[in-house]
Amino acid sequence: MEPVRWVYRTALTPVGHAVRAAVLRPVAQGVRVVGRSVRDALTSARDTVRQARADFRRMLFGEQRQPVPVDRRELRGPAARTLGSSTTALTKD
């Protein structure tokens, strides 16, 4: 068993490290670059299709109606509640 262990440690392990450094890492880096390029191309295509669909909708139905602004300020007067006033019977002054 000892000769097998010695061969593995002295011959096979350094060969494996060399293969990893010379072949596997550059291949992995190339795959990552290709993946990024494909992802960017798909994103660009998706944006183009989305814009074309929006233009087609505008052509068929016209511009969208603008939403009416809503007054969202707090209530004033008797309808408003504050921390200083209470509505329970036990704490009314």
PDB file of N, CA and C in Angstrom:
ATOM      1  N   MET A   1       0.821  -1.198   0.000  1.00  0.00           N
ATOM      2  CA  MET A   1       0.000   0.000   0.000  1.00  0.00           C
ATOM      3  C   MET A   1       0.860   1.256   0.000  1.00  0.00           C
ATOM      4  N   GLU A   2       1.987   1.201   0.645  1.00  0.00           N
ATOM      5  CA  GLU A   2       2.884   2.355   0.713  1.00  0.00           C
ATOM      6  C   GLU A   2       3.395   2.781  -0.661  1.00  0.00           C
ATOM      7  N   PRO A   3       3.754   1.870  -1.581  1.00  0.00           N
ATOM      8  CA  PRO A   3       4.195   2.311  -2.910  1.00  0.00           C
ATOM      9  C   PRO A   3       3.096   3.051  -3.679  1.00  0.00           C
ATOM     10  N   VAL A   4       1.855   2.635  -3.530  1.00  0.00           N
ATOM     11  CA  VAL A   4       0.743   3.297  -4.212  1.00  0.00           C
ATOM     12  C   VAL A   4       0.596   4.717  -3.679  1.00  0.00           C
ATOM     13  N   ARG A   5       0.688   4.857  -2.365  1.00  0.00           N
ATOM     14  CA  ARG A   5       0.577   6.169  -1.743  1.00  0.00           C
ATOM     15  C   ARG A   5       1.718   7.078  -2.219  1.00  0.00           C
ATOM     16  N   TRP A   6       2.925   6.524  -2.310  1.00  0.00           N
ATOM     17  CA  TRP A   6       4.084   7.306  -2.739  1.00  0.00           C
ATOM     18  C   TRP A   6       3.916   7.769  -4.189  1.00  0.00           C
ATOM     19  N   VAL A   7       3.459   6.890  -5.064  1.00  0.00           N
ATOM     20  CA  VAL A   7       3.254   7.243  -6.475  1.00  0.00           C
ATOM     21  C   VAL A   7       2.181   8.325  -6.588  1.00  0.00           C
ATOM     22  N   TYR A   8       1.117   8.176  -5.821  1.00  0.00           N
ATOM     23  CA  TYR A   8       0.037   9.162  -5.872  1.00  0.00           C
ATOM     24  C   TYR A   8       0.545  10.534  -5.440  1.00  0.00           C
ATOM     25  N   ARG A   9       1.298  10.566  -4.318  1.00  0.00           N
ATOM     26  CA  ARG A   9       1.781  11.840  -3.795  1.00  0.00           C
ATOM     27  C   ARG A   9       2.872  12.465  -4.656  1.00  0.00           C
ATOM     28  N   THR A  10       3.776  11.682  -5.159  1.00  0.00           N
ATOM     29  CA  THR A  10       4.926  12.257  -5.861  1.00  0.00           C
ATOM     30  C   THR A  10       4.708  12.426  -7.359  1.00  0.00           C
ATOM     31  N   ALA A  11       3.832  11.649  -7.956  1.00  0.00           N
ATOM     32  CA  ALA A  11       3.661  11.736  -9.410  1.00  0.00           C
ATOM     33  C   ALA A  11       2.283  12.245  -9.812  1.00  0.00           C
ATOM     34  N   LEU A  12       1.252  11.628  -9.288  1.00  0.00           N
ATOM     35  CA  LEU A  12      -0.094  11.958  -9.756  1.00  0.00           C
ATOM     36  C   LEU A  12      -0.598  13.307  -9.245  1.00  0.00           C
ATOM     37  N   THR A  13      -0.306  13.644  -8.014  1.00  0.00           N
ATOM     38  CA  THR A  13      -0.778  14.917  -7.468  1.00  0.00           C
ATOM     39  C   THR A  13      -0.182  16.101  -8.220  1.00  0.00           C
ATOM     40  N   PRO A  14       1.128  16.152  -8.452  1.00  0.00           N
ATOM     41  CA  PRO A  14       1.650  17.285  -9.229  1.00  0.00           C
ATOM     42  C   PRO A  14       1.111  17.332 -10.663  1.00  0.00           C
ATOM     43  N   VAL A  15       0.913  16.186 -11.283  1.00  0.00           N
ATOM     44  CA  VAL A  15       0.341  16.160 -12.631  1.00  0.00           C
ATOM     45  C   VAL A  15      -1.086  16.721 -12.598  1.00  0.00           C
ATOM     46  N   GLY A  16      -1.840  16.333 -11.601  1.00  0.00           N
ATOM     47  CA  GLY A  16      -3.209  16.847 -11.459  1.00  0.00           C
ATOM     48  C   GLY A  16      -3.237  18.351 -11.266  1.00  0.00           C
ATOM     49  N   HIS A  17      -2.312  18.874 -10.465  1.00  0.00           N
ATOM     50  CA  HIS A  17      -2.239  20.328 -10.258  1.00  0.00           C
ATOM     51  C   HIS A  17      -1.860  21.032 -11.558  1.00  0.00           C
ATOM     52  N   ALA A  18      -0.945  20.452 -12.319  1.00  0.00           N
ATOM     53  CA  ALA A  18      -0.547  21.058 -13.590  1.00  0.00           C
ATOM     54  C   ALA A  18      -1.704  21.060 -14.581  1.00  0.00           C
ATOM     55  N   VAL A  19      -2.444  19.954 -14.642  1.00  0.00           N
ATOM     56  CA  VAL A  19      -3.603  19.889 -15.540  1.00  0.00           C
ATOM     57  C   VAL A  19      -4.637  20.927 -15.129  1.00  0.00           C
ATOM     58  N   ARG A  20      -4.867  21.056 -13.824  1.00  0.00           N
ATOM     59  CA  ARG A  20      -5.836  22.041 -13.348  1.00  0.00           C
ATOM     60  C   ARG A  20      -5.399  23.455 -13.730  1.00  0.00           C
ATOM     61  N   ALA A  21      -4.125  23.761 -13.544  1.00  0.00           N
ATOM     62  CA  ALA A  21      -3.642  25.113 -13.831  1.00  0.00           C
ATOM     63  C   ALA A  21      -3.572  25.392 -15.329  1.00  0.00           C
ATOM     64  N   ALA A  22      -3.188  24.405 -16.129  1.00  0.00           N
ATOM     65  CA  ALA A  22      -2.965  24.642 -17.550  1.00  0.00           C
ATOM     66  C   ALA A  22      -4.220  24.465 -18.395  1.00  0.00           C
ATOM     67  N   VAL A  23      -5.167  23.610 -17.951  1.00  0.00           N
ATOM     68  CA  VAL A  23      -6.315  23.290 -18.794  1.00  0.00           C
ATOM     69  C   VAL A  23      -7.631  23.733 -18.160  1.00  0.00           C
ATOM     70  N   LEU A  24      -7.897  23.288 -16.962  1.00  0.00           N
ATOM     71  CA  LEU A  24      -9.233  23.482 -16.389  1.00  0.00           C
ATOM     72  C   LEU A  24      -9.533  24.937 -16.056  1.00  0.00           C
ATOM     73  N   ARG A  25      -8.592  25.654 -15.468  1.00  0.00           N
ATOM     74  CA  ARG A  25      -8.860  27.050 -15.124  1.00  0.00           C
ATOM     75  C   ARG A  25      -9.090  27.918 -16.354  1.00  0.00           C
ATOM     76  N   PRO A  26      -8.250  27.826 -17.399  1.00  0.00           N
ATOM     77  CA  PRO A  26      -8.542  28.637 -18.595  1.00  0.00           C
ATOM     78  C   PRO A  26      -9.876  28.271 -19.258  1.00  0.00           C
ATOM     79  N   VAL A  27     -10.213  26.991 -19.274  1.00  0.00           N
ATOM     80  CA  VAL A  27     -11.494  26.576 -19.852  1.00  0.00           C
ATOM     81  C   VAL A  27     -12.644  27.162 -19.039  1.00  0.00           C
ATOM     82  N   ALA A  28     -12.540  27.101 -17.710  1.00  0.00           N
ATOM     83  CA  ALA A  28     -13.594  27.649 -16.855  1.00  0.00           C
ATOM     84  C   ALA A  28     -13.726  29.149 -17.058  1.00  0.00           C
ATOM     85  N   GLN A  29     -12.616  29.843 -17.197  1.00  0.00           N
ATOM     86  CA  GLN A  29     -12.661  31.278 -17.427  1.00  0.00           C
ATOM     87  C   GLN A  29     -13.323  31.586 -18.773  1.00  0.00           C
ATOM     88  N   GLY A  30     -13.004  30.823 -19.788  1.00  0.00           N
ATOM     89  CA  GLY A  30     -13.635  31.006 -21.097  1.00  0.00           C
ATOM     90  C   GLY A  30     -15.126  30.759 -21.046  1.00  0.00           C
ATOM     91  N   VAL A  31     -15.537  29.741 -20.318  1.00  0.00           N
ATOM     92  CA  VAL A  31     -16.965  29.443 -20.183  1.00  0.00           C
ATOM     93  C   VAL A  31     -17.679  30.590 -19.471  1.00  0.00           C
ATOM     94  N   ARG A  32     -17.039  31.166 -18.452  1.00  0.00           N
ATOM     95  CA  ARG A  32     -17.651  32.299 -17.756  1.00  0.00           C
ATOM     96  C   ARG A  32     -17.806  33.502 -18.684  1.00  0.00           C
ATOM     97  N   VAL A  33     -16.804  33.769 -19.511  1.00  0.00           N
ATOM     98  CA  VAL A  33     -16.879  34.896 -20.448  1.00  0.00           C
ATOM     99  C   VAL A  33     -18.012  34.669 -21.450  1.00  0.00           C
ATOM    100  N   VAL A  34     -18.111  33.457 -21.979  1.00  0.00           N
ATOM    101  CA  VAL A  34     -19.185  33.135 -22.926  1.00  0.00           C
ATOM    102  C   VAL A  34     -20.543  33.263 -22.237  1.00  0.00           C
ATOM    103  N   GLY A  35     -20.635  32.803 -21.002  1.00  0.00           N
ATOM    104  CA  GLY A  35     -21.891  32.912 -20.251  1.00  0.00           C
ATOM    105  C   GLY A  35     -22.327  34.357 -20.072  1.00  0.00           C
ATOM    106  N   ARG A  36     -21.364  35.212 -19.739  1.00  0.00           N
ATOM    107  CA  ARG A  36     -21.693  36.634 -19.595  1.00  0.00           C
ATOM    108  C   ARG A  36     -22.166  37.230 -20.923  1.00  0.00           C
ATOM    109  N   SER A  37     -21.491  36.867 -21.993  1.00  0.00           N
ATOM    110  CA  SER A  37     -21.876  37.389 -23.310  1.00  0.00           C
ATOM    111  C   SER A  37     -23.281  36.944 -23.688  1.00  0.00           C
ATOM    112  N   VAL A  38     -23.588  35.682 -23.448  1.00  0.00           N
ATOM    113  CA  VAL A  38     -24.923  35.158 -23.760  1.00  0.00           C
ATOM    114  C   VAL A  38     -25.968  35.850 -22.900  1.00  0.00           C
ATOM    115  N   ARG A  39     -25.662  36.033 -21.613  1.00  0.00           N
ATOM    116  CA  ARG A  39     -26.612  36.699 -20.716  1.00  0.00           C
ATOM    117  C   ARG A  39     -26.863  38.139 -21.171  1.00  0.00           C
ATOM    118  N   ASP A  40     -25.803  38.843 -21.570  1.00  0.00           N
ATOM    119  CA  ASP A  40     -25.981  40.215 -22.058  1.00  0.00           C
ATOM    120  C   ASP A  40     -26.797  40.247 -23.347  1.00  0.00           C
ATOM    121  N   ALA A  41     -26.558  39.293 -24.246  1.00  0.00           N
ATOM    122  CA  ALA A  41     -27.313  39.237 -25.499  1.00  0.00           C
ATOM    123  C   ALA A  41     -28.784  38.951 -25.226  1.00  0.00           C
ATOM    124  N   LEU A  42     -29.066  38.038 -24.312  1.00  0.00           N
ATOM    125  CA  LEU A  42     -30.460  37.726 -23.979  1.00  0.00           C
ATOM    126  C   LEU A  42     -31.151  38.912 -23.321  1.00  0.00           C
ATOM    127  N   THR A  43     -30.437  39.627 -22.471  1.00  0.00           N
ATOM    128  CA  THR A  43     -31.012  40.815 -21.840  1.00  0.00           C
ATOM    129  C   THR A  43     -31.346  41.863 -22.888  1.00  0.00           C
ATOM    130  N   SER A  44     -30.434  42.062 -23.832  1.00  0.00           N
ATOM    131  CA  SER A  44     -30.681  43.034 -24.899  1.00  0.00           C
ATOM    132  C   SER A  44     -31.875  42.617 -25.756  1.00  0.00           C
ATOM    133  N   ALA A  45     -31.962  41.337 -26.086  1.00  0.00           N
ATOM    134  CA  ALA A  45     -33.086  40.847 -26.890  1.00  0.00           C
ATOM    135  C   ALA A  45     -34.396  41.001 -26.127  1.00  0.00           C
ATOM    136  N   ARG A  46     -34.385  40.714 -24.841  1.00  0.00           N
ATOM    137  CA  ARG A  46     -35.594  40.840 -24.028  1.00  0.00           C
ATOM    138  C   ARG A  46     -36.049  42.293 -23.980  1.00  0.00           C
ATOM    139  N   ASP A  47     -35.101  43.220 -23.809  1.00  0.00           N
ATOM    140  CA  ASP A  47     -35.466  44.638 -23.789  1.00  0.00           C
ATOM    141  C   ASP A  47     -36.016  45.095 -25.133  1.00  0.00           C
ATOM    142  N   THR A  48     -35.438  44.613 -26.216  1.00  0.00           N
ATOM    143  CA  THR A  48     -35.912  44.982 -27.548  1.00  0.00           C
ATOM    144  C   THR A  48     -37.331  44.477 -27.772  1.00  0.00           C
ATOM    145  N   VAL A  49     -37.600  43.224 -27.391  1.00  0.00           N
ATOM    146  CA  VAL A  49     -38.946  42.665 -27.553  1.00  0.00           C
ATOM    147  C   VAL A  49     -39.940  43.415 -26.680  1.00  0.00           C
ATOM    148  N   ARG A  50     -39.545  43.759 -25.470  1.00  0.00           N
ATOM    149  CA  ARG A  50     -40.435  44.497 -24.570  1.00  0.00           C
ATOM    150  C   ARG A  50     -40.786  45.860 -25.171  1.00  0.00           C
ATOM    151  N   GLN A  51     -39.789  46.532 -25.736  1.00  0.00           N
ATOM    152  CA  GLN A  51     -40.037  47.837 -26.358  1.00  0.00           C
ATOM    153  C   GLN A  51     -40.933  47.703 -27.592  1.00  0.00           C
ATOM    154  N   ALA A  52     -40.714  46.649 -28.387  1.00  0.00           N
ATOM    155  CA  ALA A  52     -41.552  46.431 -29.575  1.00  0.00           C
ATOM    156  C   ALA A  52     -42.996  46.156 -29.174  1.00  0.00           C
ATOM    157  N   ARG A  53     -43.196  45.384 -28.125  1.00  0.00           N
ATOM    158  CA  ARG A  53     -44.565  45.120 -27.660  1.00  0.00           C
ATOM    159  C   ARG A  53     -45.227  46.397 -27.170  1.00  0.00           C
ATOM    160  N   ALA A  54     -44.475  47.219 -26.440  1.00  0.00           N
ATOM    161  CA  ALA A  54     -45.033  48.482 -25.953  1.00  0.00           C
ATOM    162  C   ALA A  54     -45.396  49.390 -27.124  1.00  0.00           C
ATOM    163  N   ASP A  55     -44.545  49.452 -28.136  1.00  0.00           N
ATOM    164  CA  ASP A  55     -44.847  50.273 -29.314  1.00  0.00           C
ATOM    165  C   ASP A  55     -46.086  49.750 -30.042  1.00  0.00           C
ATOM    166  N   PHE A  56     -46.213  48.437 -30.142  1.00  0.00           N
ATOM    167  CA  PHE A  56     -47.378  47.837 -30.798  1.00  0.00           C
ATOM    168  C   PHE A  56     -48.658  48.157 -30.032  1.00  0.00           C
ATOM    169  N   ARG A  57     -48.609  48.050 -28.701  1.00  0.00           N
ATOM    170  CA  ARG A  57     -49.779  48.401 -27.884  1.00  0.00           C
ATOM    171  C   ARG A  57     -50.156  49.860 -28.075  1.00  0.00           C
ATOM    172  N   ARG A  58     -49.143  50.740 -28.087  1.00  0.00           N
ATOM    173  CA  ARG A  58     -49.418  52.164 -28.296  1.00  0.00           C
ATOM    174  C   ARG A  58     -50.034  52.409 -29.663  1.00  0.00           C
ATOM    175  N   MET A  59     -49.561  51.649 -30.673  1.00  0.00           N
ATOM    176  CA  MET A  59     -50.093  51.812 -32.016  1.00  0.00           C
ATOM    177  C   MET A  59     -51.564  51.379 -32.062  1.00  0.00           C
ATOM    178  N   LEU A  60     -51.900  50.291 -31.398  1.00  0.00           N
ATOM    179  CA  LEU A  60     -53.285  49.794 -31.433  1.00  0.00           C
ATOM    180  C   LEU A  60     -54.219  50.595 -30.546  1.00  0.00           C
ATOM    181  N   PHE A  61     -53.812  50.874 -29.325  1.00  0.00           N
ATOM    182  CA  PHE A  61     -54.730  51.433 -28.334  1.00  0.00           C
ATOM    183  C   PHE A  61     -54.452  52.887 -27.992  1.00  0.00           C
ATOM    184  N   GLY A  62     -53.399  53.454 -28.503  1.00  0.00           N
ATOM    185  CA  GLY A  62     -53.059  54.839 -28.173  1.00  0.00           C
ATOM    186  C   GLY A  62     -52.288  54.896 -26.860  1.00  0.00           C
ATOM    187  N   GLU A  63     -52.006  56.118 -26.462  1.00  0.00           N
ATOM    188  CA  GLU A  63     -51.253  56.321 -25.218  1.00  0.00           C
ATOM    189  C   GLU A  63     -52.105  55.927 -24.018  1.00  0.00           C
ATOM    190  N   GLN A  64     -51.441  55.503 -22.964  1.00  0.00           N
ATOM    191  CA  GLN A  64     -52.155  55.179 -21.731  1.00  0.00           C
ATOM    192  C   GLN A  64     -52.650  56.462 -21.085  1.00  0.00           C
ATOM    193  N   ARG A  65     -53.775  56.350 -20.398  1.00  0.00           N
ATOM    194  CA  ARG A  65     -54.270  57.506 -19.659  1.00  0.00           C
ATOM    195  C   ARG A  65     -53.371  57.741 -18.459  1.00  0.00           C
ATOM    196  N   GLN A  66     -53.109  58.998 -18.200  1.00  0.00           N
ATOM    197  CA  GLN A  66     -52.291  59.330 -17.036  1.00  0.00           C
ATOM    198  C   GLN A  66     -53.152  59.212 -15.789  1.00  0.00           C
ATOM    199  N   PRO A  67     -52.632  58.619 -14.726  1.00  0.00           N
ATOM    200  CA  PRO A  67     -53.429  58.496 -13.505  1.00  0.00           C
ATOM    201  C   PRO A  67     -53.719  59.869 -12.893  1.00  0.00           C
ATOM    202  N   VAL A  68     -54.912  59.987 -12.323  1.00  0.00           N
ATOM    203  CA  VAL A  68     -55.318  61.234 -11.691  1.00  0.00           C
ATOM    204  C   VAL A  68     -54.618  61.321 -10.338  1.00  0.00           C
ATOM    205  N   PRO A  69     -53.921  62.404 -10.063  1.00  0.00           N
ATOM    206  CA  PRO A  69     -53.254  62.499  -8.764  1.00  0.00           C
ATOM    207  C   PRO A  69     -54.274  62.568  -7.635  1.00  0.00           C
ATOM    208  N   VAL A  70     -53.972  61.877  -6.565  1.00  0.00           N
ATOM    209  CA  VAL A  70     -54.865  61.808  -5.418  1.00  0.00           C
ATOM    210  C   VAL A  70     -54.241  62.609  -4.288  1.00  0.00           C
ATOM    211  N   ASP A  71     -55.057  63.382  -3.607  1.00  0.00           N
ATOM    212  CA  ASP A  71     -54.572  64.154  -2.471  1.00  0.00           C
ATOM    213  C   ASP A  71     -54.413  63.195  -1.290  1.00  0.00           C
ATOM    214  N   ARG A  72     -53.199  62.914  -0.887  1.00  0.00           N
ATOM    215  CA  ARG A  72     -52.952  61.940   0.172  1.00  0.00           C
ATOM    216  C   ARG A  72     -52.459  62.593   1.466  1.00  0.00           C
ATOM    217  N   ARG A  73     -52.746  63.845   1.632  1.00  0.00           N
ATOM    218  CA  ARG A  73     -52.322  64.505   2.870  1.00  0.00           C
ATOM    219  C   ARG A  73     -53.150  64.015   4.041  1.00  0.00           C
ATOM    220  N   GLU A  74     -52.674  64.271   5.226  1.00  0.00           N
ATOM    221  CA  GLU A  74     -53.396  63.836   6.425  1.00  0.00           C
ATOM    222  C   GLU A  74     -54.679  64.644   6.598  1.00  0.00           C
ATOM    223  N   LEU A  75     -55.613  64.037   7.291  1.00  0.00           N
ATOM    224  CA  LEU A  75     -56.889  64.693   7.552  1.00  0.00           C
ATOM    225  C   LEU A  75     -56.689  65.853   8.514  1.00  0.00           C
ATOM    226  N   ARG A  76     -57.536  66.854   8.385  1.00  0.00           N
ATOM    227  CA  ARG A  76     -57.495  68.014   9.272  1.00  0.00           C
ATOM    228  C   ARG A  76     -58.839  68.106   9.995  1.00  0.00           C
ATOM    229  N   GLY A  77     -58.828  68.735  11.128  1.00  0.00           N
ATOM    230  CA  GLY A  77     -60.079  68.990  11.831  1.00  0.00           C
ATOM    231  C   GLY A  77     -60.559  67.803  12.633  1.00  0.00           C
ATOM    232  N   PRO A  78     -61.890  67.710  12.838  1.00  0.00           N
ATOM    233  CA  PRO A  78     -62.454  66.691  13.736  1.00  0.00           C
ATOM    234  C   PRO A  78     -62.257  65.258  13.235  1.00  0.00           C
ATOM    235  N   ALA A  79     -62.076  65.047  11.948  1.00  0.00           N
ATOM    236  CA  ALA A  79     -61.910  63.683  11.440  1.00  0.00           C
ATOM    237  C   ALA A  79     -60.512  63.144  11.736  1.00  0.00           C
ATOM    238  N   ALA A  80     -59.577  64.031  12.037  1.00  0.00           N
ATOM    239  CA  ALA A  80     -58.203  63.601  12.283  1.00  0.00           C
ATOM    240  C   ALA A  80     -58.026  63.149  13.718  1.00  0.00           C
ATOM    241  N   ARG A  81     -57.156  62.171  13.916  1.00  0.00           N
ATOM    242  CA  ARG A  81     -56.831  61.714  15.278  1.00  0.00           C
ATOM    243  C   ARG A  81     -55.383  62.061  15.543  1.00  0.00           C
ATOM    244  N   THR A  82     -55.103  62.446  16.748  1.00  0.00           N
ATOM    245  CA  THR A  82     -53.736  62.771  17.120  1.00  0.00           C
ATOM    246  C   THR A  82     -53.362  61.965  18.342  1.00  0.00           C
ATOM    247  N   LEU A  83     -52.102  61.970  18.688  1.00  0.00           N
ATOM    248  CA  LEU A  83     -51.659  61.240  19.882  1.00  0.00           C
ATOM    249  C   LEU A  83     -52.182  61.885  21.150  1.00  0.00           C
ATOM    250  N   GLY A  84     -52.444  63.182  21.112  1.00  0.00           N
ATOM    251  CA  GLY A  84     -52.879  63.877  22.316  1.00  0.00           C
ATOM    252  C   GLY A  84     -54.354  63.685  22.627  1.00  0.00           C
ATOM    253  N   SER A  85     -55.158  63.267  21.676  1.00  0.00           N
ATOM    254  CA  SER A  85     -56.587  63.111  21.938  1.00  0.00           C
ATOM    255  C   SER A  85     -56.939  61.634  21.996  1.00  0.00           C
ATOM    256  N   SER A  86     -57.945  61.303  22.765  1.00  0.00           N
ATOM    257  CA  SER A  86     -58.339  59.917  22.925  1.00  0.00           C
ATOM    258  C   SER A  86     -59.811  59.772  22.591  1.00  0.00           C
ATOM    259  N   THR A  87     -60.192  58.588  22.151  1.00  0.00           N
ATOM    260  CA  THR A  87     -61.610  58.363  21.830  1.00  0.00           C
ATOM    261  C   THR A  87     -62.256  57.377  22.786  1.00  0.00           C
ATOM    262  N   THR A  88     -61.501  56.859  23.748  1.00  0.00           N
ATOM    263  CA  THR A  88     -62.115  55.900  24.681  1.00  0.00           C
ATOM    264  C   THR A  88     -62.757  56.638  25.831  1.00  0.00           C
ATOM    265  N   ALA A  89     -63.799  56.060  26.439  1.00  0.00           N
ATOM    266  CA  ALA A  89     -64.543  56.700  27.505  1.00  0.00           C
ATOM    267  C   ALA A  89     -63.702  56.810  28.777  1.00  0.00           C
ATOM    268  N   LEU A  90     -62.792  55.914  29.018  1.00  0.00           N
ATOM    269  CA  LEU A  90     -62.023  55.916  30.260  1.00  0.00           C
ATOM    270  C   LEU A  90     -60.992  57.038  30.304  1.00  0.00           C
ATOM    271  N   THR A  91     -60.490  57.451  29.182  1.00  0.00           N
ATOM    272  CA  THR A  91     -59.435  58.457  29.213  1.00  0.00           C
ATOM    273  C   THR A  91     -59.898  59.818  28.736  1.00  0.00           C
ATOM    274  N   LYS A  92     -61.190  59.977  28.467  1.00  0.00           N
ATOM    275  CA  LYS A  92     -61.679  61.275  28.009  1.00  0.00           C
ATOM    276  C   LYS A  92     -61.630  62.257  29.139  1.00  0.00           C
ATOM    277  N   ASP A  93     -61.284  63.486  28.826  1.00  0.00           N
ATOM    278  CA  ASP A  93     -61.220  64.531  29.848  1.00  0.00           C
ATOM    279  C   ASP A  93     -62.523  65.257  29.972  1.00  0.00           C
TER     280      ASP A  93
END
